[in-house]
Protein backbone atom coordinates (compact mmCIF):
# COMPACT_ATOMS: atom_id res chain seq x y z
CA MET A 1 -0.03 0.07 -0.18
CA PHE A 2 2.93 2.39 1.08
CA THR A 3 4.60 1.89 -2.54
CA ARG A 4 1.35 2.68 -3.94
CA LEU A 5 0.78 5.75 -2.31
CA PHE A 6 4.42 7.36 -2.65
CA ALA A 7 4.65 6.21 -5.95
CA PRO A 8 4.96 8.91 -8.75
CA LYS A 9 1.85 9.74 -10.15
CA VAL A 10 3.84 11.41 -13.22
CA LYS A 11 6.85 10.22 -15.04
CA VAL A 12 8.79 13.03 -16.46
CA SER A 13 11.91 12.95 -18.62
CA ALA A 14 15.00 15.71 -19.89
CA HIS A 15 18.24 15.84 -21.34
CA CYS A 16 19.61 17.31 -18.63
CA ASP A 17 19.37 18.28 -14.83
CA LEU A 18 16.83 21.27 -15.16
CA PRO A 19 15.35 22.63 -18.25
CA CYS A 20 18.08 24.05 -20.83
CA GLY A 21 19.46 27.06 -20.10
CA VAL A 22 21.26 26.67 -16.99
CA TYR A 23 24.66 25.14 -18.84
CA ASP A 24 26.53 27.33 -20.39
CA PRO A 25 30.51 26.88 -21.59
CA ALA A 26 30.67 30.91 -20.86
CA GLN A 27 31.44 30.15 -16.93
CA ALA A 28 34.32 27.92 -17.94
CA ARG A 29 35.55 30.63 -20.46
CA ILE A 30 35.46 33.46 -18.28
CA GLU A 31 37.41 31.74 -15.44
CA ALA A 32 39.66 30.29 -17.87
CA GLU A 33 40.31 34.01 -18.83
CA SER A 34 40.69 35.05 -15.30
CA VAL A 35 43.67 32.31 -15.08
CA LYS A 36 45.61 33.59 -18.17
CA ALA A 37 45.37 37.43 -17.00
CA VAL A 38 46.75 36.31 -13.54
CA GLN A 39 49.48 34.61 -15.28
CA GLU A 40 50.06 37.54 -17.27
CA LYS A 41 49.93 39.90 -14.24
CA TYR A 42 52.14 37.37 -12.55
CA GLN A 43 54.97 37.45 -14.98
CA ALA A 44 54.71 41.69 -15.14
CA ASN A 45 55.35 41.96 -10.76
CA GLU A 46 57.79 41.21 -9.38
CA ASP A 47 56.47 41.90 -5.45
CA ALA A 48 56.60 38.21 -3.58
CA ASP A 49 53.24 38.74 -1.77
CA PHE A 50 51.55 39.99 -5.49
CA ARG A 51 52.70 36.77 -6.77
CA THR A 52 51.17 34.55 -3.75
CA ARG A 53 48.14 35.60 -3.94
CA ALA A 54 48.25 35.46 -7.96
CA VAL A 55 48.99 31.69 -7.40
CA LEU A 56 46.44 31.26 -4.92
CA ILE A 57 44.03 33.38 -7.25
CA LYS A 58 45.30 31.57 -10.61
CA GLU A 59 44.97 28.17 -8.86
CA GLN A 60 41.31 28.73 -7.47
CA ARG A 61 39.89 29.68 -10.83
CA ALA A 62 41.48 27.25 -12.95
CA GLU A 63 39.69 24.53 -10.67
CA LEU A 64 36.04 26.60 -11.21
CA ALA A 65 36.72 26.11 -15.00
CA LYS A 66 37.86 22.26 -14.74
CA HIS A 67 34.41 22.12 -12.43
CA HIS A 68 32.48 24.17 -15.28
CA VAL A 69 34.12 21.51 -18.19
CA SER A 70 33.35 18.80 -15.80
CA VAL A 71 29.66 19.87 -15.46
CA LEU A 72 28.65 20.20 -19.29
CA TRP A 73 30.88 16.35 -19.48
CA SER A 74 28.41 14.68 -17.00
CA ASP A 75 25.21 16.69 -17.10
CA TYR A 76 25.06 18.14 -19.88
CA PHE A 77 26.50 16.26 -22.85
CA LYS A 78 24.18 13.03 -23.45
CA PRO A 79 24.88 10.11 -25.52
CA PRO A 80 23.47 11.71 -28.91
CA HIS A 81 25.83 14.37 -28.26
CA PHE A 82 29.10 12.11 -28.39
CA GLU A 83 27.70 9.91 -31.48
CA LYS A 84 27.57 13.02 -33.21
CA TYR A 85 30.86 14.61 -31.71
CA PRO A 86 33.12 11.40 -31.35
CA GLN A 87 35.75 13.76 -30.12
CA LEU A 88 33.92 15.24 -27.69
CA HIS A 89 35.09 12.80 -24.80
CA GLN A 90 39.24 13.63 -25.97
CA LEU A 91 38.28 17.25 -26.25
CA VAL A 92 36.80 17.03 -22.33
CA ASN A 93 40.19 15.21 -21.29
CA ASP A 94 42.74 17.34 -23.03
CA THR A 95 40.89 20.65 -21.52
CA LEU A 96 40.66 19.40 -18.11
CA LYS A 97 44.54 18.36 -18.86
CA ALA A 98 45.24 21.74 -19.97
CA LEU A 99 43.52 23.68 -17.24
CA SER A 100 45.32 21.83 -14.89
CA ALA A 101 48.55 22.51 -16.57
CA ALA A 102 47.43 25.86 -16.48
CA LYS A 103 46.90 25.75 -12.65
CA ALA A 104 50.47 24.20 -11.83
CA SER A 105 52.29 26.77 -14.37
CA ASN A 106 52.26 30.68 -14.59
CA ASP A 107 53.00 30.57 -18.42
CA PRO A 108 50.32 32.83 -20.24
CA ALA A 109 50.85 30.05 -22.98
CA THR A 110 49.02 27.73 -20.66
CA GLY A 111 46.11 29.75 -19.95
CA GLN A 112 45.97 30.46 -24.07
CA LYS A 113 45.73 26.50 -24.84
CA ALA A 114 42.76 25.68 -22.28
CA LEU A 115 41.05 29.06 -23.59
CA ASP A 116 41.37 27.37 -26.93
CA LEU A 117 40.16 24.13 -25.93
CA ILE A 118 37.62 25.57 -24.24
CA ALA A 119 36.29 27.36 -27.10
CA GLN A 120 36.13 24.27 -29.42
CA ILE A 121 33.90 22.89 -26.35
CA ASP A 122 32.01 26.07 -27.05
CA LYS A 123 31.73 25.57 -30.52
CA ILE A 124 30.23 22.21 -29.88
CA PHE A 125 28.12 22.90 -27.22
CA TRP A 126 26.29 25.85 -29.63
CA GLU A 127 25.75 23.74 -32.33
CA THR A 128 23.90 20.86 -29.74
CA LYS A 129 21.36 23.97 -28.59
CA GLN A 130 20.08 24.09 -32.46
CA ALA A 131 19.17 20.31 -32.71
């Protein structure tokens, strides 16, 4: 009796956790832009205290960017997307690795590489939104 009482009355489904519009690679891009900007500021400043703060901020932003990319991969992209874009798994992996490299480096080139890869995810993301 209890199982019937608490059983769902309506079954719903969606391709993501919430109705569309809550996912956007722009979040990852903004954080990665911050990573690169901090790397550039780090290179331009010799003050030890400034550099310490810069490294802390850069590492936090890189982790946030990795989080946003991971959420797209695990929550937004679904099997039909991976079928249409077979390179997507590798692209996400490469992006996460590039963000880890940027987190560990003060070279703005590593931040730029992460941004370039995020741009590729962004392109695929918006193509899937058109479908």
